[in-house]
């Protein structure tokens, strides 16, 4: 099976960017319970205040399918309540090349 990567764009409700950044930090910390989640990094957009991007790489489709279903991740993701201006925008991809990863 090949690895799966994705980018997720999250936009904060006006005035809630700092709270969303804290919730994002909690979600990233909870990701330790997902061994098939190989890269899980969050970034604030420099040119769009309140916009955050996740970059994720999963070992395979099974690893992606269990994302967010563990107890710690579900609890941490619950912290997004009331902080998002809409649904996350998800772009699924297939990794081609990456430094530091065995593809």
PDB file of N, CA and C in Angstrom:
ATOM      1  N   UNK A   1       0.836  -1.185   0.000  1.00  0.00           N
ATOM      2  CA  UNK A   1       0.000   0.000   0.000  1.00  0.00           C
ATOM      3  C   UNK A   1       0.878   1.243   0.000  1.00  0.00           C
ATOM      4  N   UNK A   2       0.427   2.270  -0.683  1.00  0.00           N
ATOM      5  CA  UNK A   2       1.213   3.500  -0.715  1.00  0.00           C
ATOM      6  C   UNK A   2       0.749   4.465   0.365  1.00  0.00           C
ATOM      7  N   UNK A   3       1.653   5.341   0.702  1.00  0.00           N
ATOM      8  CA  UNK A   3       1.360   6.350   1.706  1.00  0.00           C
ATOM      9  C   UNK A   3       0.337   7.338   1.157  1.00  0.00           C
ATOM     10  N   UNK A   4      -0.335   8.015   2.073  1.00  0.00           N
ATOM     11  CA  UNK A   4      -1.321   9.033   1.726  1.00  0.00           C
ATOM     12  C   UNK A   4      -0.903  10.319   2.416  1.00  0.00           C
ATOM     13  N   UNK A   5      -0.979  11.418   1.682  1.00  0.00           N
ATOM     14  CA  UNK A   5      -0.727  12.717   2.304  1.00  0.00           C
ATOM     15  C   UNK A   5      -1.936  13.606   2.070  1.00  0.00           C
ATOM     16  N   UNK A   6      -2.023  14.624   2.898  1.00  0.00           N
ATOM     17  CA  UNK A   6      -3.099  15.586   2.702  1.00  0.00           C
ATOM     18  C   UNK A   6      -2.718  16.922   3.309  1.00  0.00           C
ATOM     19  N   UNK A   7      -3.411  17.926   2.832  1.00  0.00           N
ATOM     20  CA  UNK A   7      -3.338  19.258   3.410  1.00  0.00           C
ATOM     21  C   UNK A   7      -4.758  19.624   3.816  1.00  0.00           C
ATOM     22  N   UNK A   8      -4.900  20.126   5.028  1.00  0.00           N
ATOM     23  CA  UNK A   8      -6.197  20.581   5.527  1.00  0.00           C
ATOM     24  C   UNK A   8      -6.085  22.053   5.884  1.00  0.00           C
ATOM     25  N   UNK A   9      -6.997  22.845   5.371  1.00  0.00           N
ATOM     26  CA  UNK A   9      -7.037  24.274   5.664  1.00  0.00           C
ATOM     27  C   UNK A   9      -8.161  24.530   6.660  1.00  0.00           C
ATOM     28  N   UNK A  10      -7.808  25.158   7.791  1.00  0.00           N
ATOM     29  CA  UNK A  10      -8.773  25.512   8.817  1.00  0.00           C
ATOM     30  C   UNK A  10      -8.778  27.024   8.966  1.00  0.00           C
ATOM     31  N   UNK A  11      -9.967  27.597   9.030  1.00  0.00           N
ATOM     32  CA  UNK A  11     -10.102  29.035   9.187  1.00  0.00           C
ATOM     33  C   UNK A  11     -10.827  29.321  10.488  1.00  0.00           C
ATOM     34  N   UNK A  12     -10.245  30.200  11.293  1.00  0.00           N
ATOM     35  CA  UNK A  12     -10.809  30.537  12.592  1.00  0.00           C
ATOM     36  C   UNK A  12     -11.968  31.522  12.455  1.00  0.00           C
ATOM     37  N   UNK A  13     -12.909  31.402  13.364  1.00  0.00           N
ATOM     38  CA  UNK A  13     -13.936  32.417  13.512  1.00  0.00           C
ATOM     39  C   UNK A  13     -13.222  33.728  13.857  1.00  0.00           C
ATOM     40  N   UNK A  14     -13.736  34.830  13.353  1.00  0.00           N
ATOM     41  CA  UNK A  14     -13.143  36.149  13.629  1.00  0.00           C
ATOM     42  C   UNK A  14     -12.888  36.324  15.127  1.00  0.00           C
ATOM     43  N   UNK A  15     -11.654  36.671  15.471  1.00  0.00           N
ATOM     44  CA  UNK A  15     -11.285  36.907  16.869  1.00  0.00           C
ATOM     45  C   UNK A  15     -10.922  35.660  17.651  1.00  0.00           C
ATOM     46  N   UNK A  16     -10.943  34.482  17.021  1.00  0.00           N
ATOM     47  CA  UNK A  16     -10.688  33.211  17.718  1.00  0.00           C
ATOM     48  C   UNK A  16      -9.401  32.527  17.267  1.00  0.00           C
ATOM     49  N   UNK A  17      -8.531  33.224  16.540  1.00  0.00           N
ATOM     50  CA  UNK A  17      -7.321  32.596  16.002  1.00  0.00           C
ATOM     51  C   UNK A  17      -6.411  32.056  17.105  1.00  0.00           C
ATOM     52  N   UNK A  18      -6.229  32.806  18.176  1.00  0.00           N
ATOM     53  CA  UNK A  18      -5.362  32.336  19.255  1.00  0.00           C
ATOM     54  C   UNK A  18      -5.935  31.095  19.934  1.00  0.00           C
ATOM     55  N   UNK A  19      -7.244  31.079  20.126  1.00  0.00           N
ATOM     56  CA  UNK A  19      -7.888  29.909  20.729  1.00  0.00           C
ATOM     57  C   UNK A  19      -7.779  28.698  19.806  1.00  0.00           C
ATOM     58  N   UNK A  20      -7.941  28.929  18.499  1.00  0.00           N
ATOM     59  CA  UNK A  20      -7.815  27.822  17.545  1.00  0.00           C
ATOM     60  C   UNK A  20      -6.381  27.303  17.540  1.00  0.00           C
ATOM     61  N   UNK A  21      -5.406  28.191  17.610  1.00  0.00           N
ATOM     62  CA  UNK A  21      -4.006  27.751  17.653  1.00  0.00           C
ATOM     63  C   UNK A  21      -3.762  26.870  18.874  1.00  0.00           C
ATOM     64  N   UNK A  22      -4.338  27.213  20.015  1.00  0.00           N
ATOM     65  CA  UNK A  22      -4.200  26.375  21.219  1.00  0.00           C
ATOM     66  C   UNK A  22      -4.856  25.017  21.014  1.00  0.00           C
ATOM     67  N   UNK A  23      -6.047  25.003  20.407  1.00  0.00           N
ATOM     68  CA  UNK A  23      -6.741  23.737  20.142  1.00  0.00           C
ATOM     69  C   UNK A  23      -5.928  22.873  19.175  1.00  0.00           C
ATOM     70  N   UNK A  24      -5.302  23.499  18.192  1.00  0.00           N
ATOM     71  CA  UNK A  24      -4.467  22.774  17.241  1.00  0.00           C
ATOM     72  C   UNK A  24      -3.280  22.137  17.952  1.00  0.00           C
ATOM     73  N   UNK A  25      -2.658  22.873  18.853  1.00  0.00           N
ATOM     74  CA  UNK A  25      -1.527  22.306  19.618  1.00  0.00           C
ATOM     75  C   UNK A  25      -1.973  21.069  20.404  1.00  0.00           C
ATOM     76  N   UNK A  26      -3.162  21.113  20.978  1.00  0.00           N
ATOM     77  CA  UNK A  26      -3.678  19.961  21.729  1.00  0.00           C
ATOM     78  C   UNK A  26      -3.929  18.759  20.824  1.00  0.00           C
ATOM     79  N   UNK A  27      -4.431  19.006  19.627  1.00  0.00           N
ATOM     80  CA  UNK A  27      -4.690  17.919  18.679  1.00  0.00           C
ATOM     81  C   UNK A  27      -3.373  17.285  18.242  1.00  0.00           C
ATOM     82  N   UNK A  28      -2.372  18.107  17.961  1.00  0.00           N
ATOM     83  CA  UNK A  28      -1.073  17.567  17.544  1.00  0.00           C
ATOM     84  C   UNK A  28      -0.464  16.733  18.670  1.00  0.00           C
ATOM     85  N   UNK A  29      -0.589  17.192  19.905  1.00  0.00           N
ATOM     86  CA  UNK A  29      -0.064  16.421  21.043  1.00  0.00           C
ATOM     87  C   UNK A  29      -0.777  15.080  21.177  1.00  0.00           C
ATOM     88  N   UNK A  30      -2.070  15.054  20.896  1.00  0.00           N
ATOM     89  CA  UNK A  30      -2.851  13.814  21.017  1.00  0.00           C
ATOM     90  C   UNK A  30      -2.552  12.829  19.895  1.00  0.00           C
ATOM     91  N   UNK A  31      -1.922  13.292  18.822  1.00  0.00           N
ATOM     92  CA  UNK A  31      -1.654  12.429  17.669  1.00  0.00           C
ATOM     93  C   UNK A  31      -0.685  11.296  17.985  1.00  0.00           C
ATOM     94  N   UNK A  32      -0.030  11.344  19.127  1.00  0.00           N
ATOM     95  CA  UNK A  32       0.876  10.260  19.517  1.00  0.00           C
ATOM     96  C   UNK A  32       0.176   8.911  19.560  1.00  0.00           C
ATOM     97  N   UNK A  33      -1.141   8.904  19.749  1.00  0.00           N
ATOM     98  CA  UNK A  33      -1.872   7.635  19.838  1.00  0.00           C
ATOM     99  C   UNK A  33      -2.114   7.002  18.470  1.00  0.00           C
ATOM    100  N   UNK A  34      -1.676   7.644  17.400  1.00  0.00           N
ATOM    101  CA  UNK A  34      -1.884   7.121  16.052  1.00  0.00           C
ATOM    102  C   UNK A  34      -0.544   6.753  15.414  1.00  0.00           C
ATOM    103  N   UNK A  35      -0.102   5.497  15.554  1.00  0.00           N
ATOM    104  CA  UNK A  35       1.212   5.117  15.028  1.00  0.00           C
ATOM    105  C   UNK A  35       1.323   5.213  13.505  1.00  0.00           C
ATOM    106  N   UNK A  36       0.235   5.098  12.779  1.00  0.00           N
ATOM    107  CA  UNK A  36       0.279   5.175  11.324  1.00  0.00           C
ATOM    108  C   UNK A  36       0.287   6.586  10.783  1.00  0.00           C
ATOM    109  N   UNK A  37       0.177   7.557  11.672  1.00  0.00           N
ATOM    110  CA  UNK A  37       0.246   8.965  11.291  1.00  0.00           C
ATOM    111  C   UNK A  37       1.704   9.384  11.399  1.00  0.00           C
ATOM    112  N   UNK A  38       2.395   9.446  10.265  1.00  0.00           N
ATOM    113  CA  UNK A  38       3.844   9.629  10.253  1.00  0.00           C
ATOM    114  C   UNK A  38       4.277  11.088  10.344  1.00  0.00           C
ATOM    115  N   UNK A  39       3.517  11.977   9.731  1.00  0.00           N
ATOM    116  CA  UNK A  39       3.796  13.412   9.811  1.00  0.00           C
ATOM    117  C   UNK A  39       2.477  14.106  10.095  1.00  0.00           C
ATOM    118  N   UNK A  40       2.474  14.964  11.101  1.00  0.00           N
ATOM    119  CA  UNK A  40       1.267  15.706  11.472  1.00  0.00           C
ATOM    120  C   UNK A  40       1.738  17.064  11.958  1.00  0.00           C
ATOM    121  N   UNK A  41       1.790  18.005  11.044  1.00  0.00           N
ATOM    122  CA  UNK A  41       2.319  19.320  11.399  1.00  0.00           C
ATOM    123  C   UNK A  41       1.291  20.391  11.065  1.00  0.00           C
ATOM    124  N   UNK A  42       1.246  21.408  11.906  1.00  0.00           N
ATOM    125  CA  UNK A  42       0.296  22.502  11.732  1.00  0.00           C
ATOM    126  C   UNK A  42       1.068  23.804  11.548  1.00  0.00           C
ATOM    127  N   UNK A  43       0.511  24.673  10.710  1.00  0.00           N
ATOM    128  CA  UNK A  43       1.191  25.906  10.331  1.00  0.00           C
ATOM    129  C   UNK A  43       0.182  27.045  10.243  1.00  0.00           C
ATOM    130  N   UNK A  44       0.576  28.231  10.704  1.00  0.00           N
ATOM    131  CA  UNK A  44      -0.242  29.431  10.551  1.00  0.00           C
ATOM    132  C   UNK A  44       0.159  30.132   9.259  1.00  0.00           C
ATOM    133  N   UNK A  45      -0.819  30.528   8.467  1.00  0.00           N
ATOM    134  CA  UNK A  45      -0.539  31.235   7.211  1.00  0.00           C
ATOM    135  C   UNK A  45      -0.032  32.636   7.520  1.00  0.00           C
ATOM    136  N   UNK A  46       1.080  33.009   6.934  1.00  0.00           N
ATOM    137  CA  UNK A  46       1.644  34.343   7.149  1.00  0.00           C
ATOM    138  C   UNK A  46       0.794  35.438   6.508  1.00  0.00           C
ATOM    139  N   UNK A  47       0.153  35.117   5.397  1.00  0.00           N
ATOM    140  CA  UNK A  47      -0.577  36.129   4.637  1.00  0.00           C
ATOM    141  C   UNK A  47      -2.090  36.116   4.863  1.00  0.00           C
ATOM    142  N   UNK A  48      -2.561  35.221   5.723  1.00  0.00           N
ATOM    143  CA  UNK A  48      -3.993  35.130   6.007  1.00  0.00           C
ATOM    144  C   UNK A  48      -4.194  34.936   7.510  1.00  0.00           C
ATOM    145  N   UNK A  49      -4.361  36.006   8.265  1.00  0.00           N
ATOM    146  CA  UNK A  49      -4.567  35.858   9.709  1.00  0.00           C
ATOM    147  C   UNK A  49      -5.767  34.951  10.000  1.00  0.00           C
ATOM    148  N   UNK A  50      -5.584  34.047  10.958  1.00  0.00           N
ATOM    149  CA  UNK A  50      -6.657  33.140  11.338  1.00  0.00           C
ATOM    150  C   UNK A  50      -6.782  31.898  10.478  1.00  0.00           C
ATOM    151  N   UNK A  51      -5.857  31.718   9.525  1.00  0.00           N
ATOM    152  CA  UNK A  51      -5.884  30.536   8.661  1.00  0.00           C
ATOM    153  C   UNK A  51      -4.710  29.636   9.039  1.00  0.00           C
ATOM    154  N   UNK A  52      -5.020  28.355   9.192  1.00  0.00           N
ATOM    155  CA  UNK A  52      -4.033  27.358   9.580  1.00  0.00           C
ATOM    156  C   UNK A  52      -4.083  26.202   8.585  1.00  0.00           C
ATOM    157  N   UNK A  53      -2.920  25.585   8.379  1.00  0.00           N
ATOM    158  CA  UNK A  53      -2.825  24.423   7.497  1.00  0.00           C
ATOM    159  C   UNK A  53      -2.208  23.255   8.253  1.00  0.00           C
ATOM    160  N   UNK A  54      -2.794  22.084   8.095  1.00  0.00           N
ATOM    161  CA  UNK A  54      -2.187  20.842   8.550  1.00  0.00           C
ATOM    162  C   UNK A  54      -1.552  20.181   7.345  1.00  0.00           C
ATOM    163  N   UNK A  55      -0.373  19.606   7.534  1.00  0.00           N
ATOM    164  CA  UNK A  55       0.243  18.734   6.535  1.00  0.00           C
ATOM    165  C   UNK A  55       0.369  17.379   7.199  1.00  0.00           C
ATOM    166  N   UNK A  56      -0.160  16.355   6.552  1.00  0.00           N
ATOM    167  CA  UNK A  56      -0.233  15.027   7.154  1.00  0.00           C
ATOM    168  C   UNK A  56       0.254  13.969   6.175  1.00  0.00           C
ATOM    169  N   UNK A  57       0.975  12.981   6.697  1.00  0.00           N
ATOM    170  CA  UNK A  57       1.336  11.802   5.908  1.00  0.00           C
ATOM    171  C   UNK A  57       0.977  10.570   6.734  1.00  0.00           C
ATOM    172  N   UNK A  58       0.243   9.675   6.093  1.00  0.00           N
ATOM    173  CA  UNK A  58      -0.200   8.430   6.715  1.00  0.00           C
ATOM    174  C   UNK A  58       0.520   7.253   6.072  1.00  0.00           C
ATOM    175  N   UNK A  59       0.775   6.226   6.845  1.00  0.00           N
ATOM    176  CA  UNK A  59       1.455   5.029   6.351  1.00  0.00           C
ATOM    177  C   UNK A  59       0.674   4.365   5.218  1.00  0.00           C
ATOM    178  N   UNK A  60      -0.657   4.430   5.294  1.00  0.00           N
ATOM    179  CA  UNK A  60      -1.512   3.793   4.300  1.00  0.00           C
ATOM    180  C   UNK A  60      -2.955   4.238   4.530  1.00  0.00           C
ATOM    181  N   UNK A  61      -3.858   3.710   3.719  1.00  0.00           N
ATOM    182  CA  UNK A  61      -5.270   4.090   3.821  1.00  0.00           C
ATOM    183  C   UNK A  61      -5.868   3.691   5.170  1.00  0.00           C
ATOM    184  N   UNK A  62      -5.454   2.547   5.698  1.00  0.00           N
ATOM    185  CA  UNK A  62      -5.973   2.121   6.997  1.00  0.00           C
ATOM    186  C   UNK A  62      -5.614   3.128   8.084  1.00  0.00           C
ATOM    187  N   UNK A  63      -4.385   3.636   8.050  1.00  0.00           N
ATOM    188  CA  UNK A  63      -3.952   4.628   9.046  1.00  0.00           C
ATOM    189  C   UNK A  63      -4.768   5.912   8.916  1.00  0.00           C
ATOM    190  N   UNK A  64      -5.042   6.330   7.685  1.00  0.00           N
ATOM    191  CA  UNK A  64      -5.861   7.522   7.482  1.00  0.00           C
ATOM    192  C   UNK A  64      -7.282   7.305   7.978  1.00  0.00           C
ATOM    193  N   UNK A  65      -7.801   6.109   7.759  1.00  0.00           N
ATOM    194  CA  UNK A  65      -9.183   5.822   8.150  1.00  0.00           C
ATOM    195  C   UNK A  65      -9.402   5.832   9.658  1.00  0.00           C
ATOM    196  N   UNK A  66      -8.363   5.559  10.443  1.00  0.00           N
ATOM    197  CA  UNK A  66      -8.534   5.567  11.909  1.00  0.00           C
ATOM    198  C   UNK A  66      -8.206   6.928  12.518  1.00  0.00           C
ATOM    199  N   UNK A  67      -7.756   7.870  11.683  1.00  0.00           N
ATOM    200  CA  UNK A  67      -7.399   9.195  12.197  1.00  0.00           C
ATOM    201  C   UNK A  67      -8.587   9.845  12.920  1.00  0.00           C
ATOM    202  N   UNK A  68      -8.313  10.317  14.110  1.00  0.00           N
ATOM    203  CA  UNK A  68      -9.324  11.027  14.882  1.00  0.00           C
ATOM    204  C   UNK A  68     -10.301  10.154  15.635  1.00  0.00           C
ATOM    205  N   UNK A  69     -10.117   8.843  15.611  1.00  0.00           N
ATOM    206  CA  UNK A  69     -11.082   7.947  16.253  1.00  0.00           C
ATOM    207  C   UNK A  69     -10.653   7.480  17.638  1.00  0.00           C
ATOM    208  N   UNK A  70      -9.402   7.748  18.025  1.00  0.00           N
ATOM    209  CA  UNK A  70      -8.936   7.375  19.360  1.00  0.00           C
ATOM    210  C   UNK A  70      -9.504   8.316  20.415  1.00  0.00           C
ATOM    211  N   UNK A  71      -9.473   7.888  21.658  1.00  0.00           N
ATOM    212  CA  UNK A  71     -10.052   8.681  22.749  1.00  0.00           C
ATOM    213  C   UNK A  71      -9.405  10.054  22.879  1.00  0.00           C
ATOM    214  N   UNK A  72      -8.069  10.096  22.857  1.00  0.00           N
ATOM    215  CA  UNK A  72      -7.377  11.379  23.033  1.00  0.00           C
ATOM    216  C   UNK A  72      -7.628  12.316  21.854  1.00  0.00           C
ATOM    217  N   UNK A  73      -7.601  11.783  20.654  1.00  0.00           N
ATOM    218  CA  UNK A  73      -7.822  12.630  19.480  1.00  0.00           C
ATOM    219  C   UNK A  73      -9.258  13.146  19.432  1.00  0.00           C
ATOM    220  N   UNK A  74     -10.213  12.295  19.743  1.00  0.00           N
ATOM    221  CA  UNK A  74     -11.612  12.756  19.740  1.00  0.00           C
ATOM    222  C   UNK A  74     -11.800  13.872  20.753  1.00  0.00           C
ATOM    223  N   UNK A  75     -11.223  13.702  21.933  1.00  0.00           N
ATOM    224  CA  UNK A  75     -11.347  14.731  22.968  1.00  0.00           C
ATOM    225  C   UNK A  75     -10.672  16.028  22.519  1.00  0.00           C
ATOM    226  N   UNK A  76      -9.478  15.917  21.950  1.00  0.00           N
ATOM    227  CA  UNK A  76      -8.754  17.112  21.513  1.00  0.00           C
ATOM    228  C   UNK A  76      -9.486  17.801  20.362  1.00  0.00           C
ATOM    229  N   UNK A  77      -9.998  17.018  19.416  1.00  0.00           N
ATOM    230  CA  UNK A  77     -10.717  17.613  18.286  1.00  0.00           C
ATOM    231  C   UNK A  77     -12.008  18.301  18.738  1.00  0.00           C
ATOM    232  N   UNK A  78     -12.544  17.863  19.850  1.00  0.00           N
ATOM    233  CA  UNK A  78     -13.714  18.524  20.414  1.00  0.00           C
ATOM    234  C   UNK A  78     -13.426  19.970  20.780  1.00  0.00           C
ATOM    235  N   UNK A  79     -12.146  20.286  20.982  1.00  0.00           N
ATOM    236  CA  UNK A  79     -11.743  21.657  21.287  1.00  0.00           C
ATOM    237  C   UNK A  79     -11.907  22.614  20.123  1.00  0.00           C
ATOM    238  N   UNK A  80     -12.183  22.107  18.916  1.00  0.00           N
ATOM    239  CA  UNK A  80     -12.412  22.965  17.758  1.00  0.00           C
ATOM    240  C   UNK A  80     -13.806  23.591  17.778  1.00  0.00           C
ATOM    241  N   UNK A  81     -14.686  23.060  18.627  1.00  0.00           N
ATOM    242  CA  UNK A  81     -16.068  23.536  18.673  1.00  0.00           C
ATOM    243  C   UNK A  81     -16.155  25.043  18.858  1.00  0.00           C
ATOM    244  N   UNK A  82     -16.872  25.707  17.972  1.00  0.00           N
ATOM    245  CA  UNK A  82     -17.079  27.138  18.052  1.00  0.00           C
ATOM    246  C   UNK A  82     -15.908  27.978  17.576  1.00  0.00           C
ATOM    247  N   UNK A  83     -14.834  27.336  17.127  1.00  0.00           N
ATOM    248  CA  UNK A  83     -13.639  28.080  16.711  1.00  0.00           C
ATOM    249  C   UNK A  83     -13.439  28.117  15.202  1.00  0.00           C
ATOM    250  N   UNK A  84     -14.122  27.247  14.461  1.00  0.00           N
ATOM    251  CA  UNK A  84     -13.936  27.158  13.011  1.00  0.00           C
ATOM    252  C   UNK A  84     -15.017  27.947  12.276  1.00  0.00           C
ATOM    253  N   UNK A  85     -14.587  28.718  11.264  1.00  0.00           N
ATOM    254  CA  UNK A  85     -15.513  29.514  10.467  1.00  0.00           C
ATOM    255  C   UNK A  85     -16.252  28.677   9.422  1.00  0.00           C
ATOM    256  N   UNK A  86     -15.874  27.433   9.296  1.00  0.00           N
ATOM    257  CA  UNK A  86     -16.498  26.524   8.338  1.00  0.00           C
ATOM    258  C   UNK A  86     -15.811  25.178   8.407  1.00  0.00           C
ATOM    259  N   UNK A  87     -16.231  24.280   7.555  1.00  0.00           N
ATOM    260  CA  UNK A  87     -15.612  22.956   7.515  1.00  0.00           C
ATOM    261  C   UNK A  87     -14.184  23.078   6.998  1.00  0.00           C
ATOM    262  N   UNK A  88     -13.268  22.247   7.506  1.00  0.00           N
ATOM    263  CA  UNK A  88     -11.911  22.242   6.945  1.00  0.00           C
ATOM    264  C   UNK A  88     -11.934  21.884   5.457  1.00  0.00           C
ATOM    265  N   UNK A  89     -11.058  22.506   4.697  1.00  0.00           N
ATOM    266  CA  UNK A  89     -10.894  22.179   3.287  1.00  0.00           C
ATOM    267  C   UNK A  89      -9.767  21.153   3.190  1.00  0.00           C
ATOM    268  N   UNK A  90     -10.074  19.982   2.642  1.00  0.00           N
ATOM    269  CA  UNK A  90      -9.128  18.865   2.595  1.00  0.00           C
ATOM    270  C   UNK A  90      -8.703  18.596   1.153  1.00  0.00           C
ATOM    271  N   UNK A  91      -7.390  18.478   0.948  1.00  0.00           N
ATOM    272  CA  UNK A  91      -6.846  18.065  -0.339  1.00  0.00           C
ATOM    273  C   UNK A  91      -6.059  16.780  -0.122  1.00  0.00           C
ATOM    274  N   UNK A  92      -6.538  15.667  -0.683  1.00  0.00           N
ATOM    275  CA  UNK A  92      -5.840  14.375  -0.594  1.00  0.00           C
ATOM    276  C   UNK A  92      -4.805  14.281  -1.696  1.00  0.00           C
ATOM    277  N   UNK A  93      -3.662  13.680  -1.365  1.00  0.00           N
ATOM    278  CA  UNK A  93      -2.559  13.579  -2.318  1.00  0.00           C
ATOM    279  C   UNK A  93      -1.836  12.246  -2.143  1.00  0.00           C
ATOM    280  N   UNK A  94      -0.949  11.952  -3.085  1.00  0.00           N
ATOM    281  CA  UNK A  94      -0.038  10.816  -2.989  1.00  0.00           C
ATOM    282  C   UNK A  94       1.380  11.373  -2.973  1.00  0.00           C
ATOM    283  N   UNK A  95       2.160  11.068  -1.933  1.00  0.00           N
ATOM    284  CA  UNK A  95       3.527  11.587  -1.887  1.00  0.00           C
ATOM    285  C   UNK A  95       4.364  11.053  -3.049  1.00  0.00           C
ATOM    286  N   UNK A  96       5.191  11.916  -3.596  1.00  0.00           N
ATOM    287  CA  UNK A  96       6.083  11.547  -4.699  1.00  0.00           C
ATOM    288  C   UNK A  96       7.517  11.485  -4.213  1.00  0.00           C
ATOM    289  N   UNK A  97       7.928  12.480  -3.435  1.00  0.00           N
ATOM    290  CA  UNK A  97       9.292  12.534  -2.914  1.00  0.00           C
ATOM    291  C   UNK A  97       9.290  13.371  -1.645  1.00  0.00           C
ATOM    292  N   UNK A  98      10.123  12.998  -0.689  1.00  0.00           N
ATOM    293  CA  UNK A  98      10.225  13.762   0.558  1.00  0.00           C
ATOM    294  C   UNK A  98      11.548  13.496   1.223  1.00  0.00           C
ATOM    295  N   UNK A  99      12.185  14.519   1.711  1.00  0.00           N
ATOM    296  CA  UNK A  99      13.404  14.362   2.483  1.00  0.00           C
ATOM    297  C   UNK A  99      13.037  13.855   3.867  1.00  0.00           C
ATOM    298  N   UNK A 100      13.728  12.843   4.324  1.00  0.00           N
ATOM    299  CA  UNK A 100      13.507  12.323   5.666  1.00  0.00           C
ATOM    300  C   UNK A 100      12.434  11.268   5.787  1.00  0.00           C
ATOM    301  N   UNK A 101      11.791  10.907   4.692  1.00  0.00           N
ATOM    302  CA  UNK A 101      10.756   9.872   4.727  1.00  0.00           C
ATOM    303  C   UNK A 101      11.073   8.786   3.716  1.00  0.00           C
ATOM    304  N   UNK A 102      10.824   7.568   4.109  1.00  0.00           N
ATOM    305  CA  UNK A 102      10.977   6.451   3.186  1.00  0.00           C
ATOM    306  C   UNK A 102       9.657   6.261   2.450  1.00  0.00           C
ATOM    307  N   UNK A 103       9.617   6.676   1.213  1.00  0.00           N
ATOM    308  CA  UNK A 103       8.383   6.537   0.436  1.00  0.00           C
ATOM    309  C   UNK A 103       8.456   5.286  -0.396  1.00  0.00           C
TER     310      UNK A 103
END
